[in-house]
């Protein structure tokens, strides 16, 4: 790393964050599961049937259109377990509370966590609470861990991806980051944009039952679709080409991007899943996604191919551009 201190970009899910993990964190712990840089890892000694994940949430503001920090914490951790092909079985929750936080506000957050967990369903079985001095905690931070079971025994990973596979997503991208922008009053939108924040257990259950040969799944949170697909091309050596006209983006989000110079491919999502399947399974996967509320606008957006390992997009004008790994967040503190 070229930096001597931590920057906001190190928490952005882009190249700076990846460098911090690869060059500083992973080498110290020296663990092959950690070095794979998956959203969740298998638990050694559990017959490779158990997976575990960990995440922390520092979103600002705590409540935003379509969600809040509690729903976000459960959804994000559940979805990280789902990316491996596992079924969530238990969560833990650590609360870091700031002195002066309203008890009523805390109850709202906890009820939101329970509602999200009940919808999976998955129990929150343990946790911890700490309090910091006024002015040092931004209200509330939440740290969650999750454990899942690989019922089929198949661990989804980029290493399963092959040439000719198709890339799908379960709906419009960029809505979560747009909702955070609106909640911070940084930009006025004529049409309300809601965060897509949601646990996707029903979606992934439907997909894996219909397409057991699914290769890979990843929820495109910080750094968006562009970041995770750049990680795929780096780890597999394949190229991926996206079709701009096929990528679903809600009109208000697209308008916001045009006005602010943002790229929806790099915007955070909290209720989306990128799935890679064999070409012949794409229609089954689409049908499975569209059979649940979180996937009614699912689409095939790209293809894996031989050639230079880079992510490119075929624009609506017939030109091709390279989508590079973002250096950091387009917007900080989004999850």
C-alpha atoms as a PDB file:
ATOM      1  CA  UNK A   1       0.000   0.000   0.000  1.00  0.00           C
ATOM      2  CA  UNK A   2       1.165   3.529  -0.792  1.00  0.00           C
ATOM      3  CA  UNK A   3      -0.697   5.114   2.164  1.00  0.00           C
ATOM      4  CA  UNK A   4       0.625   5.243   5.721  1.00  0.00           C
ATOM      5  CA  UNK A   5      -2.773   5.940   7.312  1.00  0.00           C
ATOM      6  CA  UNK A   6      -6.344   4.722   6.884  1.00  0.00           C
ATOM      7  CA  UNK A   7      -8.464   6.752   4.454  1.00  0.00           C
ATOM      8  CA  UNK A   8     -12.231   6.725   3.876  1.00  0.00           C
ATOM      9  CA  UNK A   9     -11.549   5.001   0.545  1.00  0.00           C
ATOM     10  CA  UNK A  10     -10.231   1.952   2.453  1.00  0.00           C
ATOM     11  CA  UNK A  11     -13.819   1.256   3.537  1.00  0.00           C
ATOM     12  CA  UNK A  12     -15.330   1.745   0.095  1.00  0.00           C
ATOM     13  CA  UNK A  13     -15.291  -1.768  -1.330  1.00  0.00           C
ATOM     14  CA  UNK A  14     -13.060  -0.746  -4.240  1.00  0.00           C
ATOM     15  CA  UNK A  15      -9.377  -1.104  -5.042  1.00  0.00           C
ATOM     16  CA  UNK A  16      -8.176   0.666  -1.895  1.00  0.00           C
ATOM     17  CA  UNK A  17     -10.255  -1.614   0.339  1.00  0.00           C
ATOM     18  CA  UNK A  18      -9.031  -4.701  -1.504  1.00  0.00           C
ATOM     19  CA  UNK A  19      -5.411  -3.569  -1.158  1.00  0.00           C
ATOM     20  CA  UNK A  20      -5.868  -3.051   2.593  1.00  0.00           C
ATOM     21  CA  UNK A  21      -7.175  -6.595   2.986  1.00  0.00           C
ATOM     22  CA  UNK A  22      -4.673  -8.259   0.643  1.00  0.00           C
ATOM     23  CA  UNK A  23      -1.545  -6.385   1.717  1.00  0.00           C
ATOM     24  CA  UNK A  24      -2.138  -5.663   5.420  1.00  0.00           C
ATOM     25  CA  UNK A  25      -4.892  -7.763   7.016  1.00  0.00           C
ATOM     26  CA  UNK A  26      -4.781 -11.165   5.289  1.00  0.00           C
ATOM     27  CA  UNK A  27      -0.984 -11.649   5.470  1.00  0.00           C
ATOM     28  CA  UNK A  28      -0.985 -11.148   9.251  1.00  0.00           C
ATOM     29  CA  UNK A  29      -3.673 -13.761   9.886  1.00  0.00           C
ATOM     30  CA  UNK A  30      -2.182 -16.083   7.230  1.00  0.00           C
ATOM     31  CA  UNK A  31      -5.299 -18.207   6.701  1.00  0.00           C
ATOM     32  CA  UNK A  32      -6.197 -19.795   3.350  1.00  0.00           C
ATOM     33  CA  UNK A  33      -9.927 -19.271   3.883  1.00  0.00           C
ATOM     34  CA  UNK A  34      -9.385 -15.558   4.524  1.00  0.00           C
ATOM     35  CA  UNK A  35      -7.069 -15.226   1.533  1.00  0.00           C
ATOM     36  CA  UNK A  36      -9.849 -16.326  -0.827  1.00  0.00           C
ATOM     37  CA  UNK A  37     -11.548 -12.977  -0.131  1.00  0.00           C
ATOM     38  CA  UNK A  38     -15.045 -14.442  -0.267  1.00  0.00           C
ATOM     39  CA  UNK A  39     -18.018 -12.801   1.473  1.00  0.00           C
ATOM     40  CA  UNK A  40     -18.193 -15.835   3.770  1.00  0.00           C
ATOM     41  CA  UNK A  41     -15.808 -18.697   4.529  1.00  0.00           C
ATOM     42  CA  UNK A  42     -16.137 -22.365   5.322  1.00  0.00           C
ATOM     43  CA  UNK A  43     -15.522 -23.374   8.929  1.00  0.00           C
ATOM     44  CA  UNK A  44     -12.612 -25.811   9.148  1.00  0.00           C
ATOM     45  CA  UNK A  45     -13.504 -29.005  10.988  1.00  0.00           C
ATOM     46  CA  UNK A  46     -17.205 -28.771  10.157  1.00  0.00           C
ATOM     47  CA  UNK A  47     -16.974 -31.123   7.207  1.00  0.00           C
ATOM     48  CA  UNK A  48     -17.036 -28.114   4.873  1.00  0.00           C
ATOM     49  CA  UNK A  49     -20.783 -27.919   5.516  1.00  0.00           C
ATOM     50  CA  UNK A  50     -20.731 -24.753   7.636  1.00  0.00           C
ATOM     51  CA  UNK A  51     -19.931 -21.191   6.596  1.00  0.00           C
ATOM     52  CA  UNK A  52     -19.469 -18.005   8.594  1.00  0.00           C
ATOM     53  CA  UNK A  53     -19.482 -14.295   7.784  1.00  0.00           C
ATOM     54  CA  UNK A  54     -18.936 -11.016   9.621  1.00  0.00           C
ATOM     55  CA  UNK A  55     -19.958  -7.448   8.779  1.00  0.00           C
ATOM     56  CA  UNK A  56     -20.298  -4.036  10.436  1.00  0.00           C
ATOM     57  CA  UNK A  57     -22.674  -1.168   9.681  1.00  0.00           C
ATOM     58  CA  UNK A  58     -21.996   2.550  10.116  1.00  0.00           C
ATOM     59  CA  UNK A  59     -24.572   4.022   7.731  1.00  0.00           C
ATOM     60  CA  UNK A  60     -25.504   7.690   7.986  1.00  0.00           C
ATOM     61  CA  UNK A  61     -28.319   8.561   8.470  1.00  0.00           C
ATOM     62  CA  UNK A  62     -29.633   5.688  10.594  1.00  0.00           C
ATOM     63  CA  UNK A  63     -33.030   5.781   8.818  1.00  0.00           C
ATOM     64  CA  UNK A  64     -33.390   6.268   5.064  1.00  0.00           C
ATOM     65  CA  UNK A  65     -36.099   5.730   2.435  1.00  0.00           C
ATOM     66  CA  UNK A  66     -36.743   1.990   2.271  1.00  0.00           C
ATOM     67  CA  UNK A  67     -34.734   0.917   5.299  1.00  0.00           C
ATOM     68  CA  UNK A  68     -32.634   1.632   8.364  1.00  0.00           C
ATOM     69  CA  UNK A  69     -29.413   0.450   9.984  1.00  0.00           C
ATOM     70  CA  UNK A  70     -31.175  -2.490  11.677  1.00  0.00           C
ATOM     71  CA  UNK A  71     -32.739  -3.914   8.532  1.00  0.00           C
ATOM     72  CA  UNK A  72     -29.466  -3.261   6.719  1.00  0.00           C
ATOM     73  CA  UNK A  73     -27.397  -5.171   9.282  1.00  0.00           C
ATOM     74  CA  UNK A  74     -29.535  -8.297   9.065  1.00  0.00           C
ATOM     75  CA  UNK A  75     -30.002  -8.146   5.285  1.00  0.00           C
ATOM     76  CA  UNK A  76     -26.316  -7.643   4.546  1.00  0.00           C
ATOM     77  CA  UNK A  77     -25.147 -10.501   6.753  1.00  0.00           C
ATOM     78  CA  UNK A  78     -27.842 -12.898   5.535  1.00  0.00           C
ATOM     79  CA  UNK A  79     -27.008 -12.066   1.920  1.00  0.00           C
ATOM     80  CA  UNK A  80     -23.295 -12.664   2.492  1.00  0.00           C
ATOM     81  CA  UNK A  81     -24.105 -16.170   3.740  1.00  0.00           C
ATOM     82  CA  UNK A  82     -26.361 -16.740   0.731  1.00  0.00           C
ATOM     83  CA  UNK A  83     -23.556 -15.896  -1.706  1.00  0.00           C
ATOM     84  CA  UNK A  84     -21.871 -19.194  -0.805  1.00  0.00           C
ATOM     85  CA  UNK A  85     -24.990 -21.240  -1.522  1.00  0.00           C
ATOM     86  CA  UNK A  86     -25.585 -21.804   2.194  1.00  0.00           C
ATOM     87  CA  UNK A  87     -28.778 -21.491   4.249  1.00  0.00           C
ATOM     88  CA  UNK A  88     -28.554 -19.006   7.163  1.00  0.00           C
ATOM     89  CA  UNK A  89     -29.109 -20.701  10.531  1.00  0.00           C
ATOM     90  CA  UNK A  90     -28.007 -18.152  13.155  1.00  0.00           C
ATOM     91  CA  UNK A  91     -26.943 -14.536  13.590  1.00  0.00           C
ATOM     92  CA  UNK A  92     -25.225 -12.555  16.317  1.00  0.00           C
ATOM     93  CA  UNK A  93     -25.463  -8.791  16.853  1.00  0.00           C
ATOM     94  CA  UNK A  94     -23.031  -6.405  18.505  1.00  0.00           C
ATOM     95  CA  UNK A  95     -24.353  -2.936  19.359  1.00  0.00           C
ATOM     96  CA  UNK A  96     -22.079   0.056  19.933  1.00  0.00           C
ATOM     97  CA  UNK A  97     -24.328   2.773  21.342  1.00  0.00           C
ATOM     98  CA  UNK A  98     -23.558   6.436  21.899  1.00  0.00           C
ATOM     99  CA  UNK A  99     -24.373   8.034  25.219  1.00  0.00           C
ATOM    100  CA  UNK A 100     -27.589  10.016  24.816  1.00  0.00           C
ATOM    101  CA  UNK A 101     -29.162   7.728  22.210  1.00  0.00           C
ATOM    102  CA  UNK A 102     -32.957   7.618  22.553  1.00  0.00           C
ATOM    103  CA  UNK A 103     -34.280   4.310  23.907  1.00  0.00           C
ATOM    104  CA  UNK A 104     -37.269   4.666  21.571  1.00  0.00           C
ATOM    105  CA  UNK A 105     -34.914   4.970  18.583  1.00  0.00           C
ATOM    106  CA  UNK A 106     -32.975   1.908  19.764  1.00  0.00           C
ATOM    107  CA  UNK A 107     -36.226  -0.057  20.011  1.00  0.00           C
ATOM    108  CA  UNK A 108     -37.146   0.948  16.443  1.00  0.00           C
ATOM    109  CA  UNK A 109     -33.803  -0.346  15.182  1.00  0.00           C
ATOM    110  CA  UNK A 110     -34.070  -3.607  17.134  1.00  0.00           C
ATOM    111  CA  UNK A 111     -37.645  -4.234  15.948  1.00  0.00           C
ATOM    112  CA  UNK A 112     -36.504  -3.667  12.388  1.00  0.00           C
ATOM    113  CA  UNK A 113     -33.718  -6.213  12.896  1.00  0.00           C
ATOM    114  CA  UNK A 114     -36.211  -8.737  14.255  1.00  0.00           C
ATOM    115  CA  UNK A 115     -38.638  -8.226  11.381  1.00  0.00           C
ATOM    116  CA  UNK A 116     -35.878  -8.709   8.816  1.00  0.00           C
ATOM    117  CA  UNK A 117     -34.565 -11.815  10.601  1.00  0.00           C
ATOM    118  CA  UNK A 118     -38.066 -13.287  10.952  1.00  0.00           C
ATOM    119  CA  UNK A 119     -38.650 -12.880   7.214  1.00  0.00           C
ATOM    120  CA  UNK A 120     -35.727 -15.199   6.380  1.00  0.00           C
ATOM    121  CA  UNK A 121     -36.317 -16.878   8.929  1.00  0.00           C
ATOM    122  CA  UNK A 122     -33.119 -16.892  10.981  1.00  0.00           C
ATOM    123  CA  UNK A 123     -32.755 -16.308  14.753  1.00  0.00           C
ATOM    124  CA  UNK A 124     -30.469 -13.758  16.390  1.00  0.00           C
ATOM    125  CA  UNK A 125     -29.112 -15.977  19.148  1.00  0.00           C
ATOM    126  CA  UNK A 126     -26.336 -13.962  20.831  1.00  0.00           C
ATOM    127  CA  UNK A 127     -24.768 -10.535  20.939  1.00  0.00           C
ATOM    128  CA  UNK A 128     -23.031  -7.812  22.897  1.00  0.00           C
ATOM    129  CA  UNK A 129     -23.655  -4.178  23.867  1.00  0.00           C
ATOM    130  CA  UNK A 130     -21.152  -1.419  24.517  1.00  0.00           C
ATOM    131  CA  UNK A 131     -21.672   2.307  25.177  1.00  0.00           C
ATOM    132  CA  UNK A 132     -19.230   5.066  24.206  1.00  0.00           C
ATOM    133  CA  UNK A 133     -19.104   8.681  25.339  1.00  0.00           C
ATOM    134  CA  UNK A 134     -21.384  11.284  23.809  1.00  0.00           C
ATOM    135  CA  UNK A 135     -19.988  12.530  20.504  1.00  0.00           C
ATOM    136  CA  UNK A 136     -17.920   9.416  19.814  1.00  0.00           C
ATOM    137  CA  UNK A 137     -20.403   6.943  18.393  1.00  0.00           C
ATOM    138  CA  UNK A 138     -22.650   8.598  15.800  1.00  0.00           C
ATOM    139  CA  UNK A 139     -25.751   7.180  17.504  1.00  0.00           C
ATOM    140  CA  UNK A 140     -25.361   3.487  16.865  1.00  0.00           C
ATOM    141  CA  UNK A 141     -23.026   1.116  15.042  1.00  0.00           C
ATOM    142  CA  UNK A 142     -23.984  -2.531  14.515  1.00  0.00           C
ATOM    143  CA  UNK A 143     -21.681  -5.504  13.969  1.00  0.00           C
ATOM    144  CA  UNK A 144     -23.266  -8.774  12.898  1.00  0.00           C
ATOM    145  CA  UNK A 145     -21.993 -12.310  12.341  1.00  0.00           C
ATOM    146  CA  UNK A 146     -23.802 -15.142  10.640  1.00  0.00           C
ATOM    147  CA  UNK A 147     -23.522 -18.904  10.309  1.00  0.00           C
ATOM    148  CA  UNK A 148     -24.968 -20.969   7.481  1.00  0.00           C
ATOM    149  CA  UNK A 149     -25.252 -24.580   6.373  1.00  0.00           C
ATOM    150  CA  UNK A 150     -24.386 -25.851   2.889  1.00  0.00           C
ATOM    151  CA  UNK A 151     -27.290 -28.259   2.432  1.00  0.00           C
ATOM    152  CA  UNK A 152     -26.113 -29.305  -1.044  1.00  0.00           C
ATOM    153  CA  UNK A 153     -22.434 -29.346  -0.107  1.00  0.00           C
ATOM    154  CA  UNK A 154     -21.664 -27.042  -3.062  1.00  0.00           C
ATOM    155  CA  UNK A 155     -19.751 -23.859  -2.204  1.00  0.00           C
ATOM    156  CA  UNK A 156     -20.349 -21.104  -4.767  1.00  0.00           C
ATOM    157  CA  UNK A 157     -17.106 -19.418  -5.760  1.00  0.00           C
ATOM    158  CA  UNK A 158     -15.543 -17.600  -8.753  1.00  0.00           C
ATOM    159  CA  UNK A 159     -13.397 -20.703  -9.306  1.00  0.00           C
ATOM    160  CA  UNK A 160     -16.491 -22.478 -10.656  1.00  0.00           C
ATOM    161  CA  UNK A 161     -17.020 -19.930 -13.452  1.00  0.00           C
ATOM    162  CA  UNK A 162     -16.403 -21.110 -17.019  1.00  0.00           C
ATOM    163  CA  UNK A 163     -16.206 -19.529 -20.462  1.00  0.00           C
ATOM    164  CA  UNK A 164     -19.655 -18.892 -21.947  1.00  0.00           C
ATOM    165  CA  UNK A 165     -21.431 -18.520 -18.584  1.00  0.00           C
ATOM    166  CA  UNK A 166     -24.051 -15.778 -18.317  1.00  0.00           C
ATOM    167  CA  UNK A 167     -24.314 -13.034 -15.703  1.00  0.00           C
ATOM    168  CA  UNK A 168     -27.731 -12.230 -14.215  1.00  0.00           C
ATOM    169  CA  UNK A 169     -29.067  -9.745 -11.672  1.00  0.00           C
ATOM    170  CA  UNK A 170     -32.418  -9.794  -9.880  1.00  0.00           C
ATOM    171  CA  UNK A 171     -33.441  -6.180 -10.526  1.00  0.00           C
ATOM    172  CA  UNK A 172     -32.546  -2.474 -10.890  1.00  0.00           C
ATOM    173  CA  UNK A 173     -29.194  -1.343  -9.529  1.00  0.00           C
ATOM    174  CA  UNK A 174     -28.106   1.741  -7.590  1.00  0.00           C
ATOM    175  CA  UNK A 175     -31.295   2.346  -5.592  1.00  0.00           C
ATOM    176  CA  UNK A 176     -29.692   2.026  -2.146  1.00  0.00           C
ATOM    177  CA  UNK A 177     -26.989   4.621  -2.769  1.00  0.00           C
ATOM    178  CA  UNK A 178     -29.532   6.949  -4.397  1.00  0.00           C
ATOM    179  CA  UNK A 179     -31.782   6.613  -1.347  1.00  0.00           C
ATOM    180  CA  UNK A 180     -28.873   7.528   0.957  1.00  0.00           C
ATOM    181  CA  UNK A 181     -28.143  10.609  -1.149  1.00  0.00           C
ATOM    182  CA  UNK A 182     -31.782  11.639  -0.810  1.00  0.00           C
ATOM    183  CA  UNK A 183     -31.785  10.974   2.939  1.00  0.00           C
ATOM    184  CA  UNK A 184     -28.742  13.211   3.409  1.00  0.00           C
ATOM    185  CA  UNK A 185     -30.550  16.015   1.579  1.00  0.00           C
ATOM    186  CA  UNK A 186     -27.637  16.254  -0.807  1.00  0.00           C
ATOM    187  CA  UNK A 187     -29.913  16.246  -3.824  1.00  0.00           C
ATOM    188  CA  UNK A 188     -33.645  16.793  -4.278  1.00  0.00           C
ATOM    189  CA  UNK A 189     -35.477  14.150  -6.305  1.00  0.00           C
ATOM    190  CA  UNK A 190     -38.918  14.706  -7.809  1.00  0.00           C
ATOM    191  CA  UNK A 191     -39.637  10.984  -7.393  1.00  0.00           C
ATOM    192  CA  UNK A 192     -38.868   9.145  -4.156  1.00  0.00           C
ATOM    193  CA  UNK A 193     -36.198   6.483  -4.500  1.00  0.00           C
ATOM    194  CA  UNK A 194     -36.375   3.644  -1.989  1.00  0.00           C
ATOM    195  CA  UNK A 195     -33.424   1.562  -0.910  1.00  0.00           C
ATOM    196  CA  UNK A 196     -33.616  -2.044  -2.110  1.00  0.00           C
ATOM    197  CA  UNK A 197     -32.439  -3.202   1.340  1.00  0.00           C
ATOM    198  CA  UNK A 198     -33.758  -6.766   1.831  1.00  0.00           C
ATOM    199  CA  UNK A 199     -32.627 -10.276   2.790  1.00  0.00           C
ATOM    200  CA  UNK A 200     -32.638 -12.485  -0.310  1.00  0.00           C
ATOM    201  CA  UNK A 201     -33.125 -15.944   1.210  1.00  0.00           C
ATOM    202  CA  UNK A 202     -36.282 -16.627  -0.812  1.00  0.00           C
ATOM    203  CA  UNK A 203     -34.605 -15.559  -4.044  1.00  0.00           C
ATOM    204  CA  UNK A 204     -31.530 -17.736  -3.562  1.00  0.00           C
ATOM    205  CA  UNK A 205     -33.600 -20.718  -2.439  1.00  0.00           C
ATOM    206  CA  UNK A 206     -35.591 -20.444  -5.662  1.00  0.00           C
ATOM    207  CA  UNK A 207     -32.441 -20.061  -7.783  1.00  0.00           C
ATOM    208  CA  UNK A 208     -30.537 -22.985  -6.246  1.00  0.00           C
ATOM    209  CA  UNK A 209     -33.535 -25.307  -6.462  1.00  0.00           C
ATOM    210  CA  UNK A 210     -34.051 -24.469 -10.140  1.00  0.00           C
ATOM    211  CA  UNK A 211     -30.364 -24.255 -11.083  1.00  0.00           C
ATOM    212  CA  UNK A 212     -28.244 -26.497  -8.832  1.00  0.00           C
ATOM    213  CA  UNK A 213     -25.366 -25.952 -11.267  1.00  0.00           C
ATOM    214  CA  UNK A 214     -25.175 -22.243 -10.324  1.00  0.00           C
ATOM    215  CA  UNK A 215     -21.517 -21.202 -10.417  1.00  0.00           C
ATOM    216  CA  UNK A 216     -21.284 -18.002  -8.393  1.00  0.00           C
ATOM    217  CA  UNK A 217     -23.335 -15.417  -6.496  1.00  0.00           C
ATOM    218  CA  UNK A 218     -22.376 -12.110  -4.897  1.00  0.00           C
ATOM    219  CA  UNK A 219     -24.347  -9.204  -3.470  1.00  0.00           C
ATOM    220  CA  UNK A 220     -23.005  -5.985  -5.035  1.00  0.00           C
ATOM    221  CA  UNK A 221     -22.880  -3.692  -2.008  1.00  0.00           C
ATOM    222  CA  UNK A 222     -20.008  -1.176  -1.704  1.00  0.00           C
ATOM    223  CA  UNK A 223     -18.475  -0.605  -5.139  1.00  0.00           C
ATOM    224  CA  UNK A 224     -21.545  -2.003  -6.848  1.00  0.00           C
ATOM    225  CA  UNK A 225     -21.755  -4.446  -9.734  1.00  0.00           C
ATOM    226  CA  UNK A 226     -18.596  -2.997 -11.260  1.00  0.00           C
ATOM    227  CA  UNK A 227     -16.447  -3.802  -8.233  1.00  0.00           C
ATOM    228  CA  UNK A 228     -17.525  -7.410  -7.791  1.00  0.00           C
ATOM    229  CA  UNK A 229     -17.279  -8.255 -11.497  1.00  0.00           C
ATOM    230  CA  UNK A 230     -13.802  -6.708 -11.605  1.00  0.00           C
ATOM    231  CA  UNK A 231     -12.910  -9.022  -8.730  1.00  0.00           C
ATOM    232  CA  UNK A 232     -14.254 -11.935 -10.778  1.00  0.00           C
ATOM    233  CA  UNK A 233     -12.166 -11.152 -13.848  1.00  0.00           C
ATOM    234  CA  UNK A 234      -9.060 -10.700 -11.673  1.00  0.00           C
ATOM    235  CA  UNK A 235      -9.553 -14.036  -9.918  1.00  0.00           C
ATOM    236  CA  UNK A 236     -10.638 -16.127 -12.926  1.00  0.00           C
ATOM    237  CA  UNK A 237      -8.584 -14.720 -15.806  1.00  0.00           C
ATOM    238  CA  UNK A 238     -11.706 -14.498 -17.976  1.00  0.00           C
ATOM    239  CA  UNK A 239     -13.206 -11.365 -19.463  1.00  0.00           C
ATOM    240  CA  UNK A 240     -16.797 -10.275 -18.901  1.00  0.00           C
ATOM    241  CA  UNK A 241     -18.794  -8.108 -21.284  1.00  0.00           C
ATOM    242  CA  UNK A 242     -21.984  -6.419 -20.103  1.00  0.00           C
ATOM    243  CA  UNK A 243     -24.817  -5.104 -22.263  1.00  0.00           C
ATOM    244  CA  UNK A 244     -25.734  -1.598 -21.124  1.00  0.00           C
ATOM    245  CA  UNK A 245     -29.234  -1.841 -22.591  1.00  0.00           C
ATOM    246  CA  UNK A 246     -29.915  -4.989 -20.537  1.00  0.00           C
ATOM    247  CA  UNK A 247     -28.872  -3.568 -17.149  1.00  0.00           C
ATOM    248  CA  UNK A 248     -31.976  -2.471 -15.215  1.00  0.00           C
ATOM    249  CA  UNK A 249     -31.737   1.010 -13.675  1.00  0.00           C
ATOM    250  CA  UNK A 250     -34.730   2.944 -12.366  1.00  0.00           C
ATOM    251  CA  UNK A 251     -35.311   6.224 -14.207  1.00  0.00           C
ATOM    252  CA  UNK A 252     -34.813   8.498 -11.129  1.00  0.00           C
ATOM    253  CA  UNK A 253     -31.535   6.725 -10.349  1.00  0.00           C
ATOM    254  CA  UNK A 254     -30.350   7.088 -13.931  1.00  0.00           C
ATOM    255  CA  UNK A 255     -31.265  10.786 -13.947  1.00  0.00           C
ATOM    256  CA  UNK A 256     -29.398  11.297 -10.674  1.00  0.00           C
ATOM    257  CA  UNK A 257     -26.312   9.625 -12.111  1.00  0.00           C
ATOM    258  CA  UNK A 258     -26.388  11.807 -15.208  1.00  0.00           C
ATOM    259  CA  UNK A 259     -26.670  14.986 -13.133  1.00  0.00           C
ATOM    260  CA  UNK A 260     -24.015  14.076 -10.563  1.00  0.00           C
ATOM    261  CA  UNK A 261     -21.611  12.249 -12.865  1.00  0.00           C
ATOM    262  CA  UNK A 262     -22.064   8.944 -11.043  1.00  0.00           C
ATOM    263  CA  UNK A 263     -22.014   5.483 -12.589  1.00  0.00           C
ATOM    264  CA  UNK A 264     -24.873   3.139 -11.571  1.00  0.00           C
ATOM    265  CA  UNK A 265     -22.527   0.188 -12.064  1.00  0.00           C
ATOM    266  CA  UNK A 266     -20.452   1.500  -9.142  1.00  0.00           C
ATOM    267  CA  UNK A 267     -23.372   2.365  -6.845  1.00  0.00           C
ATOM    268  CA  UNK A 268     -24.110   0.342  -3.725  1.00  0.00           C
ATOM    269  CA  UNK A 269     -27.029  -2.076  -3.537  1.00  0.00           C
ATOM    270  CA  UNK A 270     -28.419  -3.890  -0.503  1.00  0.00           C
ATOM    271  CA  UNK A 271     -31.037  -6.147  -2.077  1.00  0.00           C
ATOM    272  CA  UNK A 272     -29.399  -7.329  -5.259  1.00  0.00           C
ATOM    273  CA  UNK A 273     -27.615 -10.550  -6.156  1.00  0.00           C
ATOM    274  CA  UNK A 274     -25.353 -11.056  -9.154  1.00  0.00           C
ATOM    275  CA  UNK A 275     -25.543 -14.698 -10.210  1.00  0.00           C
ATOM    276  CA  UNK A 276     -23.423 -16.530 -12.802  1.00  0.00           C
ATOM    277  CA  UNK A 277     -24.873 -19.676 -14.395  1.00  0.00           C
ATOM    278  CA  UNK A 278     -24.135 -21.856 -17.441  1.00  0.00           C
ATOM    279  CA  UNK A 279     -25.608 -20.536 -20.693  1.00  0.00           C
ATOM    280  CA  UNK A 280     -28.151 -23.351 -20.895  1.00  0.00           C
ATOM    281  CA  UNK A 281     -29.453 -22.621 -17.401  1.00  0.00           C
ATOM    282  CA  UNK A 282     -30.080 -18.902 -17.818  1.00  0.00           C
ATOM    283  CA  UNK A 283     -33.788 -19.157 -18.644  1.00  0.00           C
ATOM    284  CA  UNK A 284     -34.408 -21.434 -15.654  1.00  0.00           C
ATOM    285  CA  UNK A 285     -32.552 -18.963 -13.457  1.00  0.00           C
ATOM    286  CA  UNK A 286     -34.567 -16.019 -14.773  1.00  0.00           C
ATOM    287  CA  UNK A 287     -37.839 -17.861 -14.145  1.00  0.00           C
ATOM    288  CA  UNK A 288     -36.710 -18.734 -10.615  1.00  0.00           C
ATOM    289  CA  UNK A 289     -35.743 -15.134  -9.860  1.00  0.00           C
ATOM    290  CA  UNK A 290     -38.959 -13.721 -11.302  1.00  0.00           C
ATOM    291  CA  UNK A 291     -41.045 -16.102  -9.197  1.00  0.00           C
ATOM    292  CA  UNK A 292     -40.257 -14.128  -6.004  1.00  0.00           C
ATOM    293  CA  UNK A 293     -40.979 -10.438  -5.249  1.00  0.00           C
ATOM    294  CA  UNK A 294     -37.283  -9.492  -5.065  1.00  0.00           C
ATOM    295  CA  UNK A 295     -36.630 -10.770  -8.591  1.00  0.00           C
ATOM    296  CA  UNK A 296     -39.562  -9.746 -10.791  1.00  0.00           C
ATOM    297  CA  UNK A 297     -37.299  -7.437 -12.856  1.00  0.00           C
ATOM    298  CA  UNK A 298     -34.412  -9.906 -13.164  1.00  0.00           C
ATOM    299  CA  UNK A 299     -32.311  -9.761 -16.320  1.00  0.00           C
ATOM    300  CA  UNK A 300     -29.358 -11.339 -18.102  1.00  0.00           C
ATOM    301  CA  UNK A 301     -26.772  -8.557 -18.260  1.00  0.00           C
ATOM    302  CA  UNK A 302     -23.549 -10.091 -19.558  1.00  0.00           C
ATOM    303  CA  UNK A 303     -21.381 -13.005 -20.608  1.00  0.00           C
ATOM    304  CA  UNK A 304     -18.091 -14.560 -19.512  1.00  0.00           C
ATOM    305  CA  UNK A 305     -15.572 -15.060 -22.325  1.00  0.00           C
ATOM    306  CA  UNK A 306     -11.960 -15.827 -23.143  1.00  0.00           C
ATOM    307  CA  UNK A 307      -9.570 -12.972 -23.783  1.00  0.00           C
ATOM    308  CA  UNK A 308      -8.101 -10.143 -21.779  1.00  0.00           C
ATOM    309  CA  UNK A 309      -9.265 -10.397 -18.133  1.00  0.00           C
ATOM    310  CA  UNK A 310     -11.182  -7.155 -17.893  1.00  0.00           C
ATOM    311  CA  UNK A 311     -14.727  -5.944 -17.452  1.00  0.00           C
ATOM    312  CA  UNK A 312     -16.169  -4.130 -20.454  1.00  0.00           C
ATOM    313  CA  UNK A 313     -19.597  -2.798 -21.316  1.00  0.00           C
ATOM    314  CA  UNK A 314     -21.217  -2.528 -24.728  1.00  0.00           C
ATOM    315  CA  UNK A 315     -22.946   0.841 -24.670  1.00  0.00           C
ATOM    316  CA  UNK A 316     -26.305   1.671 -26.219  1.00  0.00           C
ATOM    317  CA  UNK A 317     -24.378   3.594 -28.900  1.00  0.00           C
ATOM    318  CA  UNK A 318     -22.547   0.468 -30.039  1.00  0.00           C
ATOM    319  CA  UNK A 319     -19.222   1.439 -28.467  1.00  0.00           C
ATOM    320  CA  UNK A 320     -17.284  -0.513 -25.887  1.00  0.00           C
ATOM    321  CA  UNK A 321     -15.771   0.905 -22.704  1.00  0.00           C
ATOM    322  CA  UNK A 322     -13.728  -0.603 -19.914  1.00  0.00           C
ATOM    323  CA  UNK A 323     -15.215  -0.564 -16.399  1.00  0.00           C
ATOM    324  CA  UNK A 324     -12.357  -0.341 -13.913  1.00  0.00           C
ATOM    325  CA  UNK A 325     -12.339  -1.183 -10.220  1.00  0.00           C
ATOM    326  CA  UNK A 326     -13.395   1.915  -8.242  1.00  0.00           C
ATOM    327  CA  UNK A 327     -10.725   3.392  -5.980  1.00  0.00           C
ATOM    328  CA  UNK A 328     -13.248   3.989  -3.198  1.00  0.00           C
ATOM    329  CA  UNK A 329     -16.856   4.924  -2.551  1.00  0.00           C
ATOM    330  CA  UNK A 330     -18.665   7.364  -4.789  1.00  0.00           C
ATOM    331  CA  UNK A 331     -20.430   8.126  -1.493  1.00  0.00           C
ATOM    332  CA  UNK A 332     -18.987   7.225   1.968  1.00  0.00           C
ATOM    333  CA  UNK A 333     -20.848   5.713   4.941  1.00  0.00           C
ATOM    334  CA  UNK A 334     -23.497   3.957   2.819  1.00  0.00           C
ATOM    335  CA  UNK A 335     -23.661   0.733   4.833  1.00  0.00           C
END
